[in-house]
C-alpha atoms as a PDB file:
ATOM      1  CA  MET A   1       9.479  27.171   6.802  1.00  0.00           C
ATOM      2  CA  THR A   2       9.873  24.185   4.477  1.00  0.00           C
ATOM      3  CA  PRO A   3       6.949  23.893   2.022  1.00  0.00           C
ATOM      4  CA  PRO A   4       4.841  20.826   2.177  1.00  0.00           C
ATOM      5  CA  LEU A   5       4.748  18.149  -0.356  1.00  0.00           C
ATOM      6  CA  LEU A   6       2.118  19.219  -2.741  1.00  0.00           C
ATOM      7  CA  ILE A   7      -0.056  16.481  -4.712  1.00  0.00           C
ATOM      8  CA  LEU A   8      -2.488  17.358  -7.103  1.00  0.00           C
ATOM      9  CA  SER A   9      -5.152  14.748  -7.538  1.00  0.00           C
ATOM     10  CA  SER A  10      -7.880  13.987 -10.313  1.00  0.00           C
ATOM     11  CA  GLU A  11      -9.645  11.325 -12.234  1.00  0.00           C
ATOM     12  CA  LEU A  12     -10.133  10.577 -15.785  1.00  0.00           C
ATOM     13  CA  ALA A  13     -13.711  11.126 -17.266  1.00  0.00           C
ATOM     14  CA  GLY A  14     -15.966   8.319 -16.091  1.00  0.00           C
ATOM     15  CA  ALA A  15     -13.230   6.807 -13.666  1.00  0.00           C
ATOM     16  CA  GLY A  16     -14.939   7.629 -10.387  1.00  0.00           C
ATOM     17  CA  GLY A  17     -13.556   7.036  -6.837  1.00  0.00           C
ATOM     18  CA  GLY A  18     -11.016   9.960  -7.502  1.00  0.00           C
ATOM     19  CA  LEU A  19     -11.701  11.749  -4.253  1.00  0.00           C
ATOM     20  CA  ALA A  20     -11.772   8.878  -2.070  1.00  0.00           C
ATOM     21  CA  THR A  21      -8.457   7.679  -3.477  1.00  0.00           C
ATOM     22  CA  ALA A  22      -6.936  11.140  -2.593  1.00  0.00           C
ATOM     23  CA  ALA A  23      -8.299  10.838   0.933  1.00  0.00           C
ATOM     24  CA  ALA A  24      -6.872   7.453   1.331  1.00  0.00           C
ATOM     25  CA  VAL A  25      -3.328   8.663   0.065  1.00  0.00           C
ATOM     26  CA  ALA A  26      -3.859  11.726   2.605  1.00  0.00           C
ATOM     27  CA  VAL A  27      -4.505   9.586   5.542  1.00  0.00           C
ATOM     28  CA  GLU A  28      -1.548   7.613   4.540  1.00  0.00           C
ATOM     29  CA  LEU A  29       0.500  10.445   4.388  1.00  0.00           C
ATOM     30  CA  ALA A  30      -0.580  11.551   7.719  1.00  0.00           C
ATOM     31  CA  LYS A  31       0.501   8.391   9.603  1.00  0.00           C
ATOM     32  CA  PRO A  32       3.199   8.791  12.087  1.00  0.00           C
ATOM     33  CA  GLY A  33       5.591   6.547  10.108  1.00  0.00           C
ATOM     34  CA  ALA A  34       5.313   8.509   7.015  1.00  0.00           C
ATOM     35  CA  ARG A  35       8.594  10.289   7.855  1.00  0.00           C
ATOM     36  CA  LEU A  36       8.001  13.268   5.527  1.00  0.00           C
ATOM     37  CA  GLY A  37       9.000  15.864   7.863  1.00  0.00           C
ATOM     38  CA  GLY A  38       6.651  18.636   9.092  1.00  0.00           C
ATOM     39  CA  ASP A  39       4.483  18.234  12.072  1.00  0.00           C
ATOM     40  CA  GLY A  40       2.192  15.464  10.799  1.00  0.00           C
ATOM     41  CA  ALA A  41      -0.791  17.856   9.750  1.00  0.00           C
ATOM     42  CA  VAL A  42      -1.992  16.875   6.221  1.00  0.00           C
ATOM     43  CA  LEU A  43      -4.207  19.150   4.345  1.00  0.00           C
ATOM     44  CA  LEU A  44      -6.877  17.727   1.793  1.00  0.00           C
ATOM     45  CA  ALA A  45      -8.473  20.524  -0.530  1.00  0.00           C
ATOM     46  CA  GLU A  46     -11.460  19.783  -2.654  1.00  0.00           C
ATOM     47  CA  LEU A  47     -13.030  21.924  -5.233  1.00  0.00           C
ATOM     48  CA  ALA A  48     -16.607  21.447  -3.894  1.00  0.00           C
ATOM     49  CA  GLY A  49     -20.016  22.768  -4.489  1.00  0.00           C
ATOM     50  CA  GLU A  50     -22.239  25.047  -2.049  1.00  0.00           C
ATOM     51  CA  ARG A  51     -21.832  22.969   1.103  1.00  0.00           C
ATOM     52  CA  GLY A  52     -18.355  21.879   2.888  1.00  0.00           C
ATOM     53  CA  ARG A  53     -17.680  18.946   4.897  1.00  0.00           C
ATOM     54  CA  GLY A  54     -18.397  19.184   8.520  1.00  0.00           C
ATOM     55  CA  PRO A  55     -15.806  18.159  11.409  1.00  0.00           C
ATOM     56  CA  THR A  56     -15.814  14.570  12.706  1.00  0.00           C
ATOM     57  CA  MET A  57     -15.995  13.911  16.347  1.00  0.00           C
ATOM     58  CA  LEU A  58     -12.640  12.236  16.623  1.00  0.00           C
ATOM     59  CA  ALA A  59      -9.939  14.130  15.060  1.00  0.00           C
ATOM     60  CA  ALA A  60      -6.205  14.620  15.521  1.00  0.00           C
ATOM     61  CA  GLU A  61      -5.044  17.444  17.435  1.00  0.00           C
ATOM     62  CA  SER A  62      -2.715  18.691  14.704  1.00  0.00           C
ATOM     63  CA  ALA A  63      -5.830  18.593  12.192  1.00  0.00           C
ATOM     64  CA  ARG A  64      -7.700  20.770  14.570  1.00  0.00           C
ATOM     65  CA  GLU A  65      -5.022  23.158  14.917  1.00  0.00           C
ATOM     66  CA  VAL A  66      -4.836  23.727  10.986  1.00  0.00           C
ATOM     67  CA  GLU A  67      -8.497  23.784  11.009  1.00  0.00           C
ATOM     68  CA  ARG A  68      -8.288  26.832  13.490  1.00  0.00           C
ATOM     69  CA  ARG A  69      -5.863  28.547  11.529  1.00  0.00           C
ATOM     70  CA  LEU A  70      -7.926  28.421   8.304  1.00  0.00           C
ATOM     71  CA  ARG A  71     -11.035  29.390   9.791  1.00  0.00           C
ATOM     72  CA  ASP A  72      -9.270  32.432  11.427  1.00  0.00           C
ATOM     73  CA  ALA A  73      -8.158  33.048   7.725  1.00  0.00           C
ATOM     74  CA  GLY A  74     -11.761  33.225   6.805  1.00  0.00           C
ATOM     75  CA  LEU A  75     -11.630  29.638   4.999  1.00  0.00           C
ATOM     76  CA  ASP A  76     -14.163  26.806   5.139  1.00  0.00           C
ATOM     77  CA  ALA A  77     -12.186  24.008   6.717  1.00  0.00           C
ATOM     78  CA  ALA A  78     -13.043  21.054   9.001  1.00  0.00           C
ATOM     79  CA  ALA A  79     -10.917  18.667  11.004  1.00  0.00           C
ATOM     80  CA  ARG A  80     -11.879  15.300   9.813  1.00  0.00           C
ATOM     81  CA  GLY A  81      -9.924  12.533  11.615  1.00  0.00           C
ATOM     82  CA  ARG A  82      -6.141  12.802  10.727  1.00  0.00           C
ATOM     83  CA  LEU A  83      -6.734  15.454   8.046  1.00  0.00           C
ATOM     84  CA  THR A  84      -7.909  18.994   7.514  1.00  0.00           C
ATOM     85  CA  TRP A  85     -10.390  19.375   4.917  1.00  0.00           C
ATOM     86  CA  LEU A  86     -10.601  22.566   2.920  1.00  0.00           C
ATOM     87  CA  ARG A  87     -13.364  23.441   0.724  1.00  0.00           C
ATOM     88  CA  LEU A  88     -12.460  25.562  -2.366  1.00  0.00           C
ATOM     89  CA  ASP A  89     -14.828  27.747  -4.264  1.00  0.00           C
ATOM     90  CA  ARG A  90     -15.163  27.092  -7.739  1.00  0.00           C
ATOM     91  CA  ASP A  91     -14.781  31.085  -8.658  1.00  0.00           C
ATOM     92  CA  ASP A  92     -11.515  31.662  -6.799  1.00  0.00           C
ATOM     93  CA  TRP A  93      -9.992  28.305  -5.933  1.00  0.00           C
ATOM     94  CA  LEU A  94      -6.385  29.126  -6.731  1.00  0.00           C
ATOM     95  CA  ASP A  95      -6.502  32.019  -4.434  1.00  0.00           C
ATOM     96  CA  ARG A  96      -8.196  30.188  -1.775  1.00  0.00           C
ATOM     97  CA  LEU A  97      -5.501  27.274  -2.108  1.00  0.00           C
ATOM     98  CA  ARG A  98      -2.543  29.944  -2.018  1.00  0.00           C
ATOM     99  CA  LEU A  99      -4.215  31.385   1.149  1.00  0.00           C
ATOM    100  CA  GLY A 100      -4.828  28.185   2.661  1.00  0.00           C
ATOM    101  CA  LEU A 101      -1.379  26.853   2.159  1.00  0.00           C
ATOM    102  CA  ASP A 102      -0.028  30.105   3.641  1.00  0.00           C
ATOM    103  CA  ALA A 103      -2.416  30.018   6.681  1.00  0.00           C
ATOM    104  CA  SER A 104      -2.003  26.418   7.686  1.00  0.00           C
ATOM    105  CA  GLY A 105       1.388  26.861   9.134  1.00  0.00           C
ATOM    106  CA  SER A 106       3.641  23.671   9.185  1.00  0.00           C
ATOM    107  CA  LEU A 107       2.334  20.925   6.842  1.00  0.00           C
ATOM    108  CA  ARG A 108       3.697  17.456   6.183  1.00  0.00           C
ATOM    109  CA  ALA A 109       1.582  17.385   3.018  1.00  0.00           C
ATOM    110  CA  ALA A 110      -1.451  18.997   1.025  1.00  0.00           C
ATOM    111  CA  VAL A 111      -3.377  16.860  -1.298  1.00  0.00           C
ATOM    112  CA  VAL A 112      -5.483  18.788  -3.689  1.00  0.00           C
ATOM    113  CA  HIS A 113      -8.361  17.078  -5.735  1.00  0.00           C
ATOM    114  CA  LEU A 114      -9.773  18.890  -8.742  1.00  0.00           C
ATOM    115  CA  PRO A 115     -11.848  17.984 -11.670  1.00  0.00           C
ATOM    116  CA  PRO A 116      -9.903  17.419 -14.967  1.00  0.00           C
ATOM    117  CA  THR A 117     -10.485  20.805 -16.154  1.00  0.00           C
ATOM    118  CA  GLY A 118      -9.139  22.435 -12.560  1.00  0.00           C
ATOM    119  CA  PHE A 119      -6.302  20.013 -12.695  1.00  0.00           C
ATOM    120  CA  ARG A 120      -5.062  21.305 -16.090  1.00  0.00           C
ATOM    121  CA  ALA A 121      -5.730  25.085 -14.909  1.00  0.00           C
ATOM    122  CA  ALA A 122      -3.394  24.208 -11.954  1.00  0.00           C
ATOM    123  CA  LEU A 123      -0.608  22.720 -13.905  1.00  0.00           C
ATOM    124  CA  ASP A 124      -0.755  25.883 -16.313  1.00  0.00           C
ATOM    125  CA  SER A 125      -1.248  28.421 -13.541  1.00  0.00           C
ATOM    126  CA  GLU A 126       1.297  30.161 -11.122  1.00  0.00           C
ATOM    127  CA  ALA A 127      -0.153  28.081  -8.286  1.00  0.00           C
ATOM    128  CA  PRO A 128       2.321  26.578  -5.741  1.00  0.00           C
ATOM    129  CA  GLU A 129       4.362  24.108  -7.707  1.00  0.00           C
ATOM    130  CA  ALA A 130       3.152  20.449  -7.422  1.00  0.00           C
ATOM    131  CA  CYS A 131       5.866  17.815  -6.480  1.00  0.00           C
ATOM    132  CA  ALA A 132       3.569  14.910  -7.583  1.00  0.00           C
ATOM    133  CA  ALA A 133       0.294  14.013  -9.177  1.00  0.00           C
ATOM    134  CA  LEU A 134      -2.247  11.411  -8.338  1.00  0.00           C
ATOM    135  CA  LEU A 135      -4.745  10.049 -11.150  1.00  0.00           C
ATOM    136  CA  ARG A 136      -7.554   7.715 -10.846  1.00  0.00           C
ATOM    137  CA  ALA A 137      -8.316   5.839 -14.049  1.00  0.00           C
ATOM    138  CA  GLU A 138     -10.281   2.610 -15.172  1.00  0.00           C
ATOM    139  CA  LEU A 139      -7.735   0.282 -16.629  1.00  0.00           C
ATOM    140  CA  PRO A 140      -7.320  -1.377 -19.197  1.00  0.00           C
ATOM    141  CA  ALA A 141     -10.124   0.705 -20.636  1.00  0.00           C
ATOM    142  CA  GLN A 142      -8.413   4.049 -19.957  1.00  0.00           C
ATOM    143  CA  ARG A 143      -5.036   2.922 -20.691  1.00  0.00           C
ATOM    144  CA  SER A 144      -4.058   5.091 -23.621  1.00  0.00           C
ATOM    145  CA  LEU A 145      -5.357   8.346 -21.879  1.00  0.00           C
ATOM    146  CA  ALA A 146      -3.627   7.180 -18.690  1.00  0.00           C
ATOM    147  CA  ALA A 147      -0.409   6.722 -20.621  1.00  0.00           C
ATOM    148  CA  LEU A 148      -0.625  10.072 -22.452  1.00  0.00           C
ATOM    149  CA  ALA A 149      -1.195  11.648 -18.993  1.00  0.00           C
ATOM    150  CA  VAL A 150       1.778  10.032 -17.338  1.00  0.00           C
ATOM    151  CA  VAL A 151       4.123  11.045 -20.141  1.00  0.00           C
ATOM    152  CA  GLU A 152       2.932  14.537 -20.118  1.00  0.00           C
ATOM    153  CA  LEU A 153       3.424  14.806 -16.337  1.00  0.00           C
ATOM    154  CA  ARG A 154       6.589  13.261 -16.194  1.00  0.00           C
ATOM    155  CA  SER A 155       7.784  15.614 -19.165  1.00  0.00           C
ATOM    156  CA  ALA A 156       7.034  18.396 -16.914  1.00  0.00           C
ATOM    157  CA  GLY A 157       9.102  16.847 -13.859  1.00  0.00           C
ATOM    158  CA  ILE A 158       6.205  15.978 -11.880  1.00  0.00           C
ATOM    159  CA  ARG A 159       6.230  12.473 -10.261  1.00  0.00           C
ATOM    160  CA  VAL A 160       2.983  10.547 -11.131  1.00  0.00           C
ATOM    161  CA  ARG A 161       0.882   7.577  -9.994  1.00  0.00           C
ATOM    162  CA  VAL A 162      -2.064   6.186 -11.581  1.00  0.00           C
ATOM    163  CA  ALA A 163      -4.730   4.275  -9.234  1.00  0.00           C
ATOM    164  CA  ARG A 164      -6.479   1.628 -11.097  1.00  0.00           C
ATOM    165  CA  ARG A 165      -8.768   0.714  -8.509  1.00  0.00           C
ATOM    166  CA  ALA A 166     -11.038   3.095  -6.320  1.00  0.00           C
ATOM    167  CA  PRO A 167     -11.675   2.375  -2.512  1.00  0.00           C
ATOM    168  CA  GLY A 168     -14.826   0.174  -1.808  1.00  0.00           C
ATOM    169  CA  ARG A 169     -17.988   1.586  -0.324  1.00  0.00           C
ATOM    170  CA  VAL A 170     -16.857   1.075   3.625  1.00  0.00           C
ATOM    171  CA  ALA A 171     -13.272   2.164   2.723  1.00  0.00           C
ATOM    172  CA  THR A 172     -14.470   5.342   0.837  1.00  0.00           C
ATOM    173  CA  ARG A 173     -16.483   6.232   3.837  1.00  0.00           C
ATOM    174  CA  ARG A 174     -13.652   5.717   6.232  1.00  0.00           C
ATOM    175  CA  ALA A 175     -11.196   7.567   3.920  1.00  0.00           C
ATOM    176  CA  LEU A 176     -13.522  10.502   3.567  1.00  0.00           C
ATOM    177  CA  ALA A 177     -13.800  10.774   7.397  1.00  0.00           C
ATOM    178  CA  GLY A 178     -10.023  11.051   7.544  1.00  0.00           C
ATOM    179  CA  ILE A 179      -9.418   7.493   9.011  1.00  0.00           C
ATOM    180  CA  ASP A 180      -7.493   4.485   7.651  1.00  0.00           C
ATOM    181  CA  PRO A 181      -9.688   2.612   5.117  1.00  0.00           C
ATOM    182  CA  GLY A 182      -8.366  -0.443   5.993  1.00  0.00           C
ATOM    183  CA  GLY A 183      -7.591  -3.860   3.995  1.00  0.00           C
ATOM    184  CA  ASP A 184      -6.613  -3.539   0.600  1.00  0.00           C
ATOM    185  CA  ALA A 185      -7.475   0.032   0.074  1.00  0.00           C
ATOM    186  CA  SER A 186      -4.683   0.816   2.810  1.00  0.00           C
ATOM    187  CA  ARG A 187      -2.179  -1.223   1.164  1.00  0.00           C
ATOM    188  CA  ARG A 188      -2.900   0.288  -2.509  1.00  0.00           C
ATOM    189  CA  ALA A 189      -2.691   3.614  -0.842  1.00  0.00           C
ATOM    190  CA  ALA A 190       0.721   2.899   0.922  1.00  0.00           C
ATOM    191  CA  ARG A 191       2.136   1.804  -2.403  1.00  0.00           C
ATOM    192  CA  LEU A 192       0.806   5.052  -4.062  1.00  0.00           C
ATOM    193  CA  VAL A 193       2.430   7.272  -1.192  1.00  0.00           C
ATOM    194  CA  ARG A 194       5.716   5.305  -1.841  1.00  0.00           C
ATOM    195  CA  GLY A 195       5.690   6.231  -5.620  1.00  0.00           C
ATOM    196  CA  LEU A 196       4.508   9.711  -4.984  1.00  0.00           C
ATOM    197  CA  THR A 197       7.202  10.555  -2.498  1.00  0.00           C
ATOM    198  CA  GLY A 198       9.975   8.798  -4.292  1.00  0.00           C
ATOM    199  CA  ARG A 199      10.271   6.045  -1.614  1.00  0.00           C
ATOM    200  CA  VAL A 200       9.793   3.269  -4.193  1.00  0.00           C
ATOM    201  CA  GLY A 201      11.061  -0.363  -3.694  1.00  0.00           C
ATOM    202  CA  LEU A 202      10.717  -3.065  -6.467  1.00  0.00           C
ATOM    203  CA  PRO A 203       7.600  -2.933  -8.056  1.00  0.00           C
ATOM    204  CA  ARG A 204       5.573  -6.142  -8.754  1.00  0.00           C
ATOM    205  CA  ARG A 205       5.313  -6.789 -12.485  1.00  0.00           C
ATOM    206  CA  ALA A 206       1.979  -5.226 -14.251  1.00  0.00           C
ATOM    207  CA  PRO A 207      -0.038  -6.480 -16.857  1.00  0.00           C
ATOM    208  CA  GLU A 208       1.426  -5.981 -20.341  1.00  0.00           C
ATOM    209  CA  GLY A 209       0.358  -2.371 -21.533  1.00  0.00           C
ATOM    210  CA  THR A 210      -0.406  -0.961 -17.949  1.00  0.00           C
ATOM    211  CA  PRO A 211       0.950   2.601 -17.576  1.00  0.00           C
ATOM    212  CA  SER A 212       4.163   2.815 -15.548  1.00  0.00           C
ATOM    213  CA  GLY A 213       3.297   3.830 -12.187  1.00  0.00           C
ATOM    214  CA  ALA A 214      -0.128   2.275 -11.953  1.00  0.00           C
ATOM    215  CA  TYR A 215      -1.443   0.776  -8.664  1.00  0.00           C
END
């Protein structure tokens, strides 16, 4: 079985909106036109608190199938729109992530959203190797930190993109429900996906000093 595209997601301290950005990217990856292989199922794993997210009334059949497999494996999962949401406990999240990836069956992609400390732990651990990284940063205020992170990740052979804007309130609710956020949020997510998957066209010129790969 071909392993899924694995994307680690996080945000710089104070940036906010990282989870909604990760969800918007995951929804974009789950669209039929993504052409990434797999059966279209996309997993979004979140290092969360005591309560997981519940399933939505409208969910893709592929998401429901992955939900069933994960629950059979004893994991906290929910089909939400195009996505299957996996809650990771803070104490043993790496073990649960490995189990979730193994139990999911054929996946097109998995997006794993972590706080900064968890993000570093994932990079330094023997977790499944990430193909790409998504960072949410407030630019230009966090330009220097974002640039350092980009350089470090690229030196490790990891493709990286920086989201300089978080989805708005309505787009956030839609993305967290596993559906297309619409408007500018969808267009930004599509650009991020092209960069994260290596399908990049000619980029627009960014403002001077913006880290390479920022959208």
